[in-house]
């Protein structure tokens, strides 16, 4: 079994990971940028969003990690058969 050959043949997309990170980290930053405008238009909605916002990134990161783990279990390296 050649570990390095199986690692190279793994179809892992870095672009998908980058897009998830942009979504998880960028989306809360965009909301922070628009928070003064939201508060000016509707103060109660702005207060609610301001209370939820600190928890948005950790929740989204948790969801991202669970999706990554679920996808890794579908295409596990142990499921393939090797000719030794």
PDB file of N, CA and C in Angstrom:
ATOM      1  N   UNK A   1       0.854  -1.173   0.000  1.00  0.00           N
ATOM      2  CA  UNK A   1       0.000   0.000   0.000  1.00  0.00           C
ATOM      3  C   UNK A   1       0.897   1.232   0.000  1.00  0.00           C
ATOM      4  N   UNK A   2       0.710   2.101  -0.972  1.00  0.00           N
ATOM      5  CA  UNK A   2       1.472   3.331  -1.042  1.00  0.00           C
ATOM      6  C   UNK A   2       0.573   4.477  -0.571  1.00  0.00           C
ATOM      7  N   UNK A   3       0.859   4.953   0.617  1.00  0.00           N
ATOM      8  CA  UNK A   3       0.015   5.978   1.232  1.00  0.00           C
ATOM      9  C   UNK A   3       0.018   7.258   0.418  1.00  0.00           C
ATOM     10  N   UNK A   4       1.160   7.643  -0.116  1.00  0.00           N
ATOM     11  CA  UNK A   4       1.252   8.914  -0.823  1.00  0.00           C
ATOM     12  C   UNK A   4       0.449   8.907  -2.120  1.00  0.00           C
ATOM     13  N   UNK A   5       0.398   7.775  -2.796  1.00  0.00           N
ATOM     14  CA  UNK A   5      -0.400   7.708  -4.023  1.00  0.00           C
ATOM     15  C   UNK A   5      -1.887   7.842  -3.712  1.00  0.00           C
ATOM     16  N   UNK A   6      -2.344   7.243  -2.638  1.00  0.00           N
ATOM     17  CA  UNK A   6      -3.761   7.358  -2.288  1.00  0.00           C
ATOM     18  C   UNK A   6      -4.073   8.774  -1.842  1.00  0.00           C
ATOM     19  N   UNK A   7      -3.117   9.441  -1.205  1.00  0.00           N
ATOM     20  CA  UNK A   7      -3.337  10.817  -0.753  1.00  0.00           C
ATOM     21  C   UNK A   7      -3.428  11.765  -1.946  1.00  0.00           C
ATOM     22  N   UNK A   8      -2.603  11.559  -2.973  1.00  0.00           N
ATOM     23  CA  UNK A   8      -2.619  12.415  -4.154  1.00  0.00           C
ATOM     24  C   UNK A   8      -3.883  12.196  -4.970  1.00  0.00           C
ATOM     25  N   UNK A   9      -4.356  10.958  -5.031  1.00  0.00           N
ATOM     26  CA  UNK A   9      -5.543  10.650  -5.818  1.00  0.00           C
ATOM     27  C   UNK A   9      -6.834  11.076  -5.146  1.00  0.00           C
ATOM     28  N   UNK A  10      -6.772  11.511  -3.896  1.00  0.00           N
ATOM     29  CA  UNK A  10      -7.956  11.972  -3.184  1.00  0.00           C
ATOM     30  C   UNK A  10      -8.452  13.262  -3.832  1.00  0.00           C
ATOM     31  N   UNK A  11      -9.710  13.332  -4.170  1.00  0.00           N
ATOM     32  CA  UNK A  11     -10.286  14.481  -4.870  1.00  0.00           C
ATOM     33  C   UNK A  11     -10.775  15.544  -3.885  1.00  0.00           C
ATOM     34  N   UNK A  12      -9.869  16.064  -3.062  1.00  0.00           N
ATOM     35  CA  UNK A  12     -10.224  17.085  -2.090  1.00  0.00           C
ATOM     36  C   UNK A  12     -10.121  18.449  -2.742  1.00  0.00           C
ATOM     37  N   UNK A  13     -11.170  19.248  -2.650  1.00  0.00           N
ATOM     38  CA  UNK A  13     -11.196  20.564  -3.276  1.00  0.00           C
ATOM     39  C   UNK A  13     -10.913  21.643  -2.243  1.00  0.00           C
ATOM     40  N   UNK A  14      -9.834  22.360  -2.437  1.00  0.00           N
ATOM     41  CA  UNK A  14      -9.505  23.473  -1.553  1.00  0.00           C
ATOM     42  C   UNK A  14     -10.440  24.647  -1.764  1.00  0.00           C
ATOM     43  N   UNK A  15     -10.953  24.796  -2.986  1.00  0.00           N
ATOM     44  CA  UNK A  15     -11.863  25.894  -3.292  1.00  0.00           C
ATOM     45  C   UNK A  15     -13.144  25.787  -2.475  1.00  0.00           C
ATOM     46  N   UNK A  16     -13.645  24.581  -2.286  1.00  0.00           N
ATOM     47  CA  UNK A  16     -14.852  24.385  -1.488  1.00  0.00           C
ATOM     48  C   UNK A  16     -14.614  24.817  -0.039  1.00  0.00           C
ATOM     49  N   UNK A  17     -13.442  24.494   0.487  1.00  0.00           N
ATOM     50  CA  UNK A  17     -13.098  24.888   1.852  1.00  0.00           C
ATOM     51  C   UNK A  17     -12.988  26.412   1.963  1.00  0.00           C
ATOM     52  N   UNK A  18     -12.389  27.050   0.973  1.00  0.00           N
ATOM     53  CA  UNK A  18     -12.244  28.500   0.991  1.00  0.00           C
ATOM     54  C   UNK A  18     -13.614  29.174   0.926  1.00  0.00           C
ATOM     55  N   UNK A  19     -14.507  28.649   0.104  1.00  0.00           N
ATOM     56  CA  UNK A  19     -15.847  29.232   0.015  1.00  0.00           C
ATOM     57  C   UNK A  19     -16.611  29.095   1.335  1.00  0.00           C
ATOM     58  N   UNK A  20     -16.441  27.959   2.009  1.00  0.00           N
ATOM     59  CA  UNK A  20     -17.082  27.791   3.319  1.00  0.00           C
ATOM     60  C   UNK A  20     -16.515  28.786   4.325  1.00  0.00           C
ATOM     61  N   UNK A  21     -15.210  28.991   4.300  1.00  0.00           N
ATOM     62  CA  UNK A  21     -14.593  29.934   5.231  1.00  0.00           C
ATOM     63  C   UNK A  21     -15.052  31.361   4.946  1.00  0.00           C
ATOM     64  N   UNK A  22     -15.165  31.722   3.669  1.00  0.00           N
ATOM     65  CA  UNK A  22     -15.652  33.061   3.320  1.00  0.00           C
ATOM     66  C   UNK A  22     -17.077  33.241   3.826  1.00  0.00           C
ATOM     67  N   UNK A  23     -17.892  32.220   3.657  1.00  0.00           N
ATOM     68  CA  UNK A  23     -19.271  32.300   4.125  1.00  0.00           C
ATOM     69  C   UNK A  23     -19.325  32.416   5.646  1.00  0.00           C
ATOM     70  N   UNK A  24     -18.552  31.584   6.342  1.00  0.00           N
ATOM     71  CA  UNK A  24     -18.607  31.560   7.803  1.00  0.00           C
ATOM     72  C   UNK A  24     -18.023  32.816   8.436  1.00  0.00           C
ATOM     73  N   UNK A  25     -16.982  33.358   7.859  1.00  0.00           N
ATOM     74  CA  UNK A  25     -16.334  34.532   8.454  1.00  0.00           C
ATOM     75  C   UNK A  25     -16.777  35.832   7.805  1.00  0.00           C
ATOM     76  N   UNK A  26     -17.055  35.797   6.510  1.00  0.00           N
ATOM     77  CA  UNK A  26     -17.416  37.017   5.798  1.00  0.00           C
ATOM     78  C   UNK A  26     -18.845  37.465   6.034  1.00  0.00           C
ATOM     79  N   UNK A  27     -19.759  36.521   6.122  1.00  0.00           N
ATOM     80  CA  UNK A  27     -21.166  36.865   6.313  1.00  0.00           C
ATOM     81  C   UNK A  27     -21.406  37.636   7.611  1.00  0.00           C
ATOM     82  N   UNK A  28     -20.860  37.199   8.759  1.00  0.00           N
ATOM     83  CA  UNK A  28     -21.029  38.008   9.967  1.00  0.00           C
ATOM     84  C   UNK A  28     -20.394  39.394   9.858  1.00  0.00           C
ATOM     85  N   UNK A  29     -19.273  39.513   9.140  1.00  0.00           N
ATOM     86  CA  UNK A  29     -18.644  40.826   8.969  1.00  0.00           C
ATOM     87  C   UNK A  29     -19.523  41.752   8.139  1.00  0.00           C
ATOM     88  N   UNK A  30     -20.172  41.204   7.121  1.00  0.00           N
ATOM     89  CA  UNK A  30     -21.083  42.012   6.305  1.00  0.00           C
ATOM     90  C   UNK A  30     -22.264  42.479   7.149  1.00  0.00           C
ATOM     91  N   UNK A  31     -22.780  41.592   7.988  1.00  0.00           N
ATOM     92  CA  UNK A  31     -23.897  41.970   8.857  1.00  0.00           C
ATOM     93  C   UNK A  31     -23.463  43.058   9.834  1.00  0.00           C
ATOM     94  N   UNK A  32     -22.246  42.959  10.378  1.00  0.00           N
ATOM     95  CA  UNK A  32     -21.738  44.000  11.275  1.00  0.00           C
ATOM     96  C   UNK A  32     -21.662  45.332  10.536  1.00  0.00           C
ATOM     97  N   UNK A  33     -21.255  45.308   9.275  1.00  0.00           N
ATOM     98  CA  UNK A  33     -21.189  46.536   8.485  1.00  0.00           C
ATOM     99  C   UNK A  33     -22.552  47.171   8.262  1.00  0.00           C
ATOM    100  N   UNK A  34     -23.568  46.360   8.082  1.00  0.00           N
ATOM    101  CA  UNK A  34     -24.919  46.877   7.848  1.00  0.00           C
ATOM    102  C   UNK A  34     -25.730  47.076   9.131  1.00  0.00           C
ATOM    103  N   UNK A  35     -25.170  46.732  10.272  1.00  0.00           N
ATOM    104  CA  UNK A  35     -25.909  46.828  11.538  1.00  0.00           C
ATOM    105  C   UNK A  35     -26.359  48.255  11.866  1.00  0.00           C
ATOM    106  N   UNK A  36     -25.539  49.297  11.663  1.00  0.00           N
ATOM    107  CA  UNK A  36     -26.056  50.660  11.918  1.00  0.00           C
ATOM    108  C   UNK A  36     -27.249  51.024  11.038  1.00  0.00           C
ATOM    109  N   UNK A  37     -27.223  50.601   9.781  1.00  0.00           N
ATOM    110  CA  UNK A  37     -28.342  50.875   8.879  1.00  0.00           C
ATOM    111  C   UNK A  37     -29.585  50.114   9.318  1.00  0.00           C
ATOM    112  N   UNK A  38     -29.410  48.859   9.697  1.00  0.00           N
ATOM    113  CA  UNK A  38     -30.541  48.047  10.156  1.00  0.00           C
ATOM    114  C   UNK A  38     -31.134  48.650  11.427  1.00  0.00           C
ATOM    115  N   UNK A  39     -30.272  49.073  12.342  1.00  0.00           N
ATOM    116  CA  UNK A  39     -30.746  49.656  13.599  1.00  0.00           C
ATOM    117  C   UNK A  39     -31.478  50.971  13.354  1.00  0.00           C
ATOM    118  N   UNK A  40     -31.008  51.726  12.368  1.00  0.00           N
ATOM    119  CA  UNK A  40     -31.669  53.000  12.051  1.00  0.00           C
ATOM    120  C   UNK A  40     -33.067  52.750  11.474  1.00  0.00           C
ATOM    121  N   UNK A  41     -33.203  51.715  10.634  1.00  0.00           N
ATOM    122  CA  UNK A  41     -34.500  51.416  10.023  1.00  0.00           C
ATOM    123  C   UNK A  41     -35.463  50.757  11.002  1.00  0.00           C
ATOM    124  N   UNK A  42     -34.951  49.819  11.797  1.00  0.00           N
ATOM    125  CA  UNK A  42     -35.800  49.097  12.737  1.00  0.00           C
ATOM    126  C   UNK A  42     -34.975  48.783  13.988  1.00  0.00           C
ATOM    127  N   UNK A  43     -35.114  49.596  15.047  1.00  0.00           N
ATOM    128  CA  UNK A  43     -34.278  49.412  16.235  1.00  0.00           C
ATOM    129  C   UNK A  43     -34.444  48.053  16.921  1.00  0.00           C
ATOM    130  N   UNK A  44     -35.645  47.506  16.938  1.00  0.00           N
ATOM    131  CA  UNK A  44     -35.828  46.209  17.601  1.00  0.00           C
ATOM    132  C   UNK A  44     -35.150  45.075  16.809  1.00  0.00           C
ATOM    133  N   UNK A  45     -35.216  45.133  15.480  1.00  0.00           N
ATOM    134  CA  UNK A  45     -34.532  44.132  14.654  1.00  0.00           C
ATOM    135  C   UNK A  45     -33.022  44.261  14.798  1.00  0.00           C
ATOM    136  N   UNK A  46     -32.522  45.487  14.861  1.00  0.00           N
ATOM    137  CA  UNK A  46     -31.092  45.707  15.042  1.00  0.00           C
ATOM    138  C   UNK A  46     -30.600  45.169  16.368  1.00  0.00           C
ATOM    139  N   UNK A  47     -31.399  45.345  17.420  1.00  0.00           N
ATOM    140  CA  UNK A  47     -31.013  44.826  18.736  1.00  0.00           C
ATOM    141  C   UNK A  47     -31.010  43.302  18.747  1.00  0.00           C
ATOM    142  N   UNK A  48     -31.996  42.708  18.091  1.00  0.00           N
ATOM    143  CA  UNK A  48     -32.059  41.247  18.021  1.00  0.00           C
ATOM    144  C   UNK A  48     -30.880  40.683  17.238  1.00  0.00           C
ATOM    145  N   UNK A  49     -30.577  41.282  16.109  1.00  0.00           N
ATOM    146  CA  UNK A  49     -29.442  40.826  15.297  1.00  0.00           C
ATOM    147  C   UNK A  49     -28.137  41.010  16.057  1.00  0.00           C
ATOM    148  N   UNK A  50     -27.997  42.112  16.791  1.00  0.00           N
ATOM    149  CA  UNK A  50     -26.779  42.352  17.569  1.00  0.00           C
ATOM    150  C   UNK A  50     -26.599  41.307  18.663  1.00  0.00           C
ATOM    151  N   UNK A  51     -27.692  40.777  19.210  1.00  0.00           N
ATOM    152  CA  UNK A  51     -27.602  39.732  20.232  1.00  0.00           C
ATOM    153  C   UNK A  51     -27.245  38.368  19.627  1.00  0.00           C
ATOM    154  N   UNK A  52     -27.721  38.101  18.425  1.00  0.00           N
ATOM    155  CA  UNK A  52     -27.477  36.816  17.764  1.00  0.00           C
ATOM    156  C   UNK A  52     -26.111  36.772  17.090  1.00  0.00           C
ATOM    157  N   UNK A  53     -25.618  37.902  16.642  1.00  0.00           N
ATOM    158  CA  UNK A  53     -24.414  37.973  15.829  1.00  0.00           C
ATOM    159  C   UNK A  53     -23.171  37.318  16.430  1.00  0.00           C
ATOM    160  N   UNK A  54     -22.885  37.452  17.737  1.00  0.00           N
ATOM    161  CA  UNK A  54     -21.676  36.790  18.259  1.00  0.00           C
ATOM    162  C   UNK A  54     -21.710  35.263  18.169  1.00  0.00           C
ATOM    163  N   UNK A  55     -22.887  34.687  18.085  1.00  0.00           N
ATOM    164  CA  UNK A  55     -23.014  33.231  18.025  1.00  0.00           C
ATOM    165  C   UNK A  55     -23.110  32.703  16.593  1.00  0.00           C
ATOM    166  N   UNK A  56     -23.209  33.598  15.630  1.00  0.00           N
ATOM    167  CA  UNK A  56     -23.402  33.188  14.244  1.00  0.00           C
ATOM    168  C   UNK A  56     -22.183  32.459  13.685  1.00  0.00           C
ATOM    169  N   UNK A  57     -20.998  32.987  13.893  1.00  0.00           N
ATOM    170  CA  UNK A  57     -19.792  32.361  13.355  1.00  0.00           C
ATOM    171  C   UNK A  57     -19.532  30.978  13.972  1.00  0.00           C
ATOM    172  N   UNK A  58     -19.594  30.824  15.304  1.00  0.00           N
ATOM    173  CA  UNK A  58     -19.375  29.473  15.846  1.00  0.00           C
ATOM    174  C   UNK A  58     -20.402  28.450  15.376  1.00  0.00           C
ATOM    175  N   UNK A  59     -21.651  28.854  15.244  1.00  0.00           N
ATOM    176  CA  UNK A  59     -22.682  27.922  14.769  1.00  0.00           C
ATOM    177  C   UNK A  59     -22.402  27.532  13.329  1.00  0.00           C
ATOM    178  N   UNK A  60     -22.045  28.490  12.493  1.00  0.00           N
ATOM    179  CA  UNK A  60     -21.753  28.187  11.093  1.00  0.00           C
ATOM    180  C   UNK A  60     -20.495  27.328  10.964  1.00  0.00           C
ATOM    181  N   UNK A  61     -19.500  27.561  11.803  1.00  0.00           N
ATOM    182  CA  UNK A  61     -18.295  26.734  11.777  1.00  0.00           C
ATOM    183  C   UNK A  61     -18.614  25.296  12.198  1.00  0.00           C
ATOM    184  N   UNK A  62     -19.457  25.141  13.202  1.00  0.00           N
ATOM    185  CA  UNK A  62     -19.872  23.799  13.623  1.00  0.00           C
ATOM    186  C   UNK A  62     -20.568  23.062  12.484  1.00  0.00           C
ATOM    187  N   UNK A  63     -21.467  23.764  11.783  1.00  0.00           N
ATOM    188  CA  UNK A  63     -22.164  23.149  10.658  1.00  0.00           C
ATOM    189  C   UNK A  63     -21.188  22.776   9.544  1.00  0.00           C
ATOM    190  N   UNK A  64     -20.196  23.642   9.299  1.00  0.00           N
ATOM    191  CA  UNK A  64     -19.215  23.366   8.260  1.00  0.00           C
ATOM    192  C   UNK A  64     -18.389  22.125   8.607  1.00  0.00           C
ATOM    193  N   UNK A  65     -17.964  22.021   9.853  1.00  0.00           N
ATOM    194  CA  UNK A  65     -17.151  20.879  10.271  1.00  0.00           C
ATOM    195  C   UNK A  65     -17.966  19.586  10.179  1.00  0.00           C
ATOM    196  N   UNK A  66     -19.221  19.621  10.595  1.00  0.00           N
ATOM    197  CA  UNK A  66     -20.042  18.409  10.505  1.00  0.00           C
ATOM    198  C   UNK A  66     -20.260  17.996   9.056  1.00  0.00           C
ATOM    199  N   UNK A  67     -20.413  18.966   8.144  1.00  0.00           N
ATOM    200  CA  UNK A  67     -20.551  18.618   6.726  1.00  0.00           C
ATOM    201  C   UNK A  67     -19.260  18.019   6.191  1.00  0.00           C
ATOM    202  N   UNK A  68     -18.115  18.545   6.613  1.00  0.00           N
ATOM    203  CA  UNK A  68     -16.839  18.007   6.155  1.00  0.00           C
ATOM    204  C   UNK A  68     -16.629  16.588   6.668  1.00  0.00           C
ATOM    205  N   UNK A  69     -16.979  16.331   7.917  1.00  0.00           N
ATOM    206  CA  UNK A  69     -16.828  14.992   8.489  1.00  0.00           C
ATOM    207  C   UNK A  69     -17.759  14.016   7.778  1.00  0.00           C
ATOM    208  N   UNK A  70     -18.975  14.452   7.513  1.00  0.00           N
ATOM    209  CA  UNK A  70     -19.938  13.593   6.828  1.00  0.00           C
ATOM    210  C   UNK A  70     -19.449  13.253   5.425  1.00  0.00           C
ATOM    211  N   UNK A  71     -18.882  14.217   4.710  1.00  0.00           N
ATOM    212  CA  UNK A  71     -18.371  13.962   3.367  1.00  0.00           C
ATOM    213  C   UNK A  71     -17.149  13.061   3.396  1.00  0.00           C
ATOM    214  N   UNK A  72     -16.305  13.178   4.419  1.00  0.00           N
ATOM    215  CA  UNK A  72     -15.124  12.324   4.519  1.00  0.00           C
ATOM    216  C   UNK A  72     -15.502  10.881   4.792  1.00  0.00           C
ATOM    217  N   UNK A  73     -16.570  10.644   5.525  1.00  0.00           N
ATOM    218  CA  UNK A  73     -16.985   9.275   5.812  1.00  0.00           C
ATOM    219  C   UNK A  73     -17.539   8.589   4.573  1.00  0.00           C
ATOM    220  N   UNK A  74     -18.111   9.357   3.661  1.00  0.00           N
ATOM    221  CA  UNK A  74     -18.635   8.769   2.426  1.00  0.00           C
ATOM    222  C   UNK A  74     -17.504   8.286   1.531  1.00  0.00           C
ATOM    223  N   UNK A  75     -16.393   9.017   1.524  1.00  0.00           N
ATOM    224  CA  UNK A  75     -15.274   8.649   0.649  1.00  0.00           C
ATOM    225  C   UNK A  75     -14.044   8.347   1.489  1.00  0.00           C
ATOM    226  N   UNK A  76     -14.162   7.354   2.325  1.00  0.00           N
ATOM    227  CA  UNK A  76     -13.060   6.987   3.202  1.00  0.00           C
ATOM    228  C   UNK A  76     -11.999   6.218   2.424  1.00  0.00           C
ATOM    229  N   UNK A  77     -10.751   6.414   2.821  1.00  0.00           N
ATOM    230  CA  UNK A  77      -9.664   5.701   2.156  1.00  0.00           C
ATOM    231  C   UNK A  77      -9.680   4.218   2.507  1.00  0.00           C
ATOM    232  N   UNK A  78     -10.309   3.874   3.613  1.00  0.00           N
ATOM    233  CA  UNK A  78     -10.326   2.484   4.052  1.00  0.00           C
ATOM    234  C   UNK A  78     -11.309   1.639   3.243  1.00  0.00           C
ATOM    235  N   UNK A  79     -12.234   2.261   2.539  1.00  0.00           N
ATOM    236  CA  UNK A  79     -13.221   1.524   1.761  1.00  0.00           C
ATOM    237  C   UNK A  79     -12.643   0.990   0.463  1.00  0.00           C
ATOM    238  N   UNK A  80     -11.579   1.620  -0.043  1.00  0.00           N
ATOM    239  CA  UNK A  80     -11.014   1.158  -1.309  1.00  0.00           C
ATOM    240  C   UNK A  80     -10.182  -0.092  -1.089  1.00  0.00           C
ATOM    241  N   UNK A  81     -10.102  -0.922  -2.129  1.00  0.00           N
ATOM    242  CA  UNK A  81      -9.350  -2.174  -2.023  1.00  0.00           C
ATOM    243  C   UNK A  81      -7.984  -1.969  -2.667  1.00  0.00           C
ATOM    244  N   UNK A  82      -6.962  -2.452  -2.000  1.00  0.00           N
ATOM    245  CA  UNK A  82      -5.596  -2.323  -2.481  1.00  0.00           C
ATOM    246  C   UNK A  82      -5.094  -3.684  -2.971  1.00  0.00           C
ATOM    247  N   UNK A  83      -4.299  -3.613  -3.978  1.00  0.00           N
ATOM    248  CA  UNK A  83      -3.654  -4.833  -4.481  1.00  0.00           C
ATOM    249  C   UNK A  83      -2.239  -4.873  -3.932  1.00  0.00           C
ATOM    250  N   UNK A  84      -2.054  -5.595  -2.861  1.00  0.00           N
ATOM    251  CA  UNK A  84      -0.724  -5.691  -2.243  1.00  0.00           C
ATOM    252  C   UNK A  84       0.052  -6.836  -2.817  1.00  0.00           C
TER     253      UNK A  84
END
